[in-house]
């Protein structure tokens, strides 16, 4: 908790029982989430209003995928390959 008593860091488990860590602003907006999915680790970054703007994860083949998005969730992903 921060000095004002707001919960800003959370440690938990997702629905699959895997570890979950996320931070949020004092206003309750999600900022960073460390999670997992069926392919491995997952990192989501949100802007100050809580909208998702970046993501790092693994694809179904074990390759890294990085995505960057505007606040309207429009964007691009970068994937390894030729």
C-alpha atoms as a PDB file:
ATOM      1  CA  UNK A   1       0.000   0.000   0.000  1.00  0.00           C
ATOM      2  CA  UNK A   2       1.105   3.564  -0.502  1.00  0.00           C
ATOM      3  CA  UNK A   3       1.242   6.232   2.234  1.00  0.00           C
ATOM      4  CA  UNK A   4      -2.442   7.035   1.674  1.00  0.00           C
ATOM      5  CA  UNK A   5      -3.452   3.409   2.243  1.00  0.00           C
ATOM      6  CA  UNK A   6      -4.232   2.698  -1.409  1.00  0.00           C
ATOM      7  CA  UNK A   7      -3.480  -0.809  -2.659  1.00  0.00           C
ATOM      8  CA  UNK A   8      -0.962  -0.270  -5.495  1.00  0.00           C
ATOM      9  CA  UNK A   9       0.871  -3.633  -5.745  1.00  0.00           C
ATOM     10  CA  UNK A  10      -0.937  -6.960  -5.905  1.00  0.00           C
ATOM     11  CA  UNK A  11       0.343 -10.548  -5.711  1.00  0.00           C
ATOM     12  CA  UNK A  12      -2.147 -13.212  -6.618  1.00  0.00           C
ATOM     13  CA  UNK A  13      -2.860 -16.156  -8.920  1.00  0.00           C
ATOM     14  CA  UNK A  14      -4.700 -16.251 -12.225  1.00  0.00           C
ATOM     15  CA  UNK A  15      -7.575 -18.620 -13.001  1.00  0.00           C
ATOM     16  CA  UNK A  16      -5.089 -21.369 -13.959  1.00  0.00           C
ATOM     17  CA  UNK A  17      -3.305 -21.104 -10.612  1.00  0.00           C
ATOM     18  CA  UNK A  18      -0.203 -19.415 -12.060  1.00  0.00           C
ATOM     19  CA  UNK A  19       1.415 -16.413 -10.386  1.00  0.00           C
ATOM     20  CA  UNK A  20       0.096 -12.921 -11.088  1.00  0.00           C
ATOM     21  CA  UNK A  21       1.652  -9.570 -10.161  1.00  0.00           C
ATOM     22  CA  UNK A  22       0.203  -6.196 -11.040  1.00  0.00           C
ATOM     23  CA  UNK A  23       0.629  -2.579 -10.102  1.00  0.00           C
ATOM     24  CA  UNK A  24      -1.992   0.106 -10.198  1.00  0.00           C
ATOM     25  CA  UNK A  25      -2.188   3.833  -9.664  1.00  0.00           C
ATOM     26  CA  UNK A  26      -3.563   5.341  -6.465  1.00  0.00           C
ATOM     27  CA  UNK A  27      -6.750   5.935  -8.485  1.00  0.00           C
ATOM     28  CA  UNK A  28      -7.108   2.194  -9.144  1.00  0.00           C
ATOM     29  CA  UNK A  29      -5.994   2.190 -12.799  1.00  0.00           C
ATOM     30  CA  UNK A  30      -3.982  -0.878 -13.806  1.00  0.00           C
ATOM     31  CA  UNK A  31      -0.434   0.047 -14.889  1.00  0.00           C
ATOM     32  CA  UNK A  32       1.663  -3.134 -15.291  1.00  0.00           C
ATOM     33  CA  UNK A  33       0.588  -6.773 -15.138  1.00  0.00           C
ATOM     34  CA  UNK A  34       2.915  -9.804 -15.078  1.00  0.00           C
ATOM     35  CA  UNK A  35       0.951 -12.910 -15.875  1.00  0.00           C
ATOM     36  CA  UNK A  36       1.036 -16.031 -18.004  1.00  0.00           C
ATOM     37  CA  UNK A  37      -0.932 -17.682 -20.750  1.00  0.00           C
ATOM     38  CA  UNK A  38      -0.769 -21.105 -22.416  1.00  0.00           C
ATOM     39  CA  UNK A  39       2.407 -20.066 -24.281  1.00  0.00           C
ATOM     40  CA  UNK A  40       4.422 -18.727 -21.314  1.00  0.00           C
ATOM     41  CA  UNK A  41       5.005 -15.365 -19.683  1.00  0.00           C
ATOM     42  CA  UNK A  42       2.976 -12.264 -20.427  1.00  0.00           C
ATOM     43  CA  UNK A  43       3.669  -8.593 -19.634  1.00  0.00           C
ATOM     44  CA  UNK A  44       1.021  -5.914 -20.205  1.00  0.00           C
ATOM     45  CA  UNK A  45       1.664  -2.178 -19.844  1.00  0.00           C
ATOM     46  CA  UNK A  46      -1.180   0.330 -19.519  1.00  0.00           C
ATOM     47  CA  UNK A  47      -1.152   4.117 -19.787  1.00  0.00           C
ATOM     48  CA  UNK A  48      -2.139   6.396 -16.902  1.00  0.00           C
ATOM     49  CA  UNK A  49      -5.839   6.009 -17.687  1.00  0.00           C
ATOM     50  CA  UNK A  50      -5.604   2.196 -17.633  1.00  0.00           C
ATOM     51  CA  UNK A  51      -5.734   1.530 -21.374  1.00  0.00           C
ATOM     52  CA  UNK A  52      -3.382  -1.210 -22.681  1.00  0.00           C
ATOM     53  CA  UNK A  53      -0.512   0.209 -24.772  1.00  0.00           C
ATOM     54  CA  UNK A  54       2.219  -2.486 -24.889  1.00  0.00           C
ATOM     55  CA  UNK A  55       2.497  -6.252 -24.528  1.00  0.00           C
ATOM     56  CA  UNK A  56       5.277  -8.854 -24.498  1.00  0.00           C
ATOM     57  CA  UNK A  57       4.488 -12.539 -24.720  1.00  0.00           C
ATOM     58  CA  UNK A  58       5.447 -15.796 -26.415  1.00  0.00           C
ATOM     59  CA  UNK A  59       3.601 -17.221 -29.389  1.00  0.00           C
ATOM     60  CA  UNK A  60       2.485 -20.833 -29.772  1.00  0.00           C
ATOM     61  CA  UNK A  61       5.924 -21.761 -31.183  1.00  0.00           C
ATOM     62  CA  UNK A  62       7.894 -20.276 -28.275  1.00  0.00           C
ATOM     63  CA  UNK A  63       8.945 -17.131 -30.149  1.00  0.00           C
ATOM     64  CA  UNK A  64       8.792 -13.668 -28.610  1.00  0.00           C
ATOM     65  CA  UNK A  65       6.067 -11.236 -29.652  1.00  0.00           C
ATOM     66  CA  UNK A  66       6.082  -7.523 -28.788  1.00  0.00           C
ATOM     67  CA  UNK A  67       3.122  -5.255 -29.437  1.00  0.00           C
ATOM     68  CA  UNK A  68       2.675  -1.496 -29.167  1.00  0.00           C
ATOM     69  CA  UNK A  69      -0.726   0.157 -29.393  1.00  0.00           C
ATOM     70  CA  UNK A  70      -2.279   3.588 -29.164  1.00  0.00           C
ATOM     71  CA  UNK A  71      -4.872   4.293 -26.494  1.00  0.00           C
ATOM     72  CA  UNK A  72      -7.611   3.088 -28.874  1.00  0.00           C
ATOM     73  CA  UNK A  73      -5.901  -0.353 -28.987  1.00  0.00           C
ATOM     74  CA  UNK A  74      -4.773   0.097 -32.611  1.00  0.00           C
ATOM     75  CA  UNK A  75      -1.167  -0.833 -33.248  1.00  0.00           C
ATOM     76  CA  UNK A  76       1.350  -3.342 -34.460  1.00  0.00           C
ATOM     77  CA  UNK A  77       3.199  -6.390 -33.280  1.00  0.00           C
ATOM     78  CA  UNK A  78       6.806  -7.368 -33.899  1.00  0.00           C
ATOM     79  CA  UNK A  79       7.501 -11.059 -34.319  1.00  0.00           C
ATOM     80  CA  UNK A  80      10.789 -12.834 -35.066  1.00  0.00           C
ATOM     81  CA  UNK A  81      11.304 -14.322 -38.486  1.00  0.00           C
ATOM     82  CA  UNK A  82      12.853 -13.781 -41.893  1.00  0.00           C
END
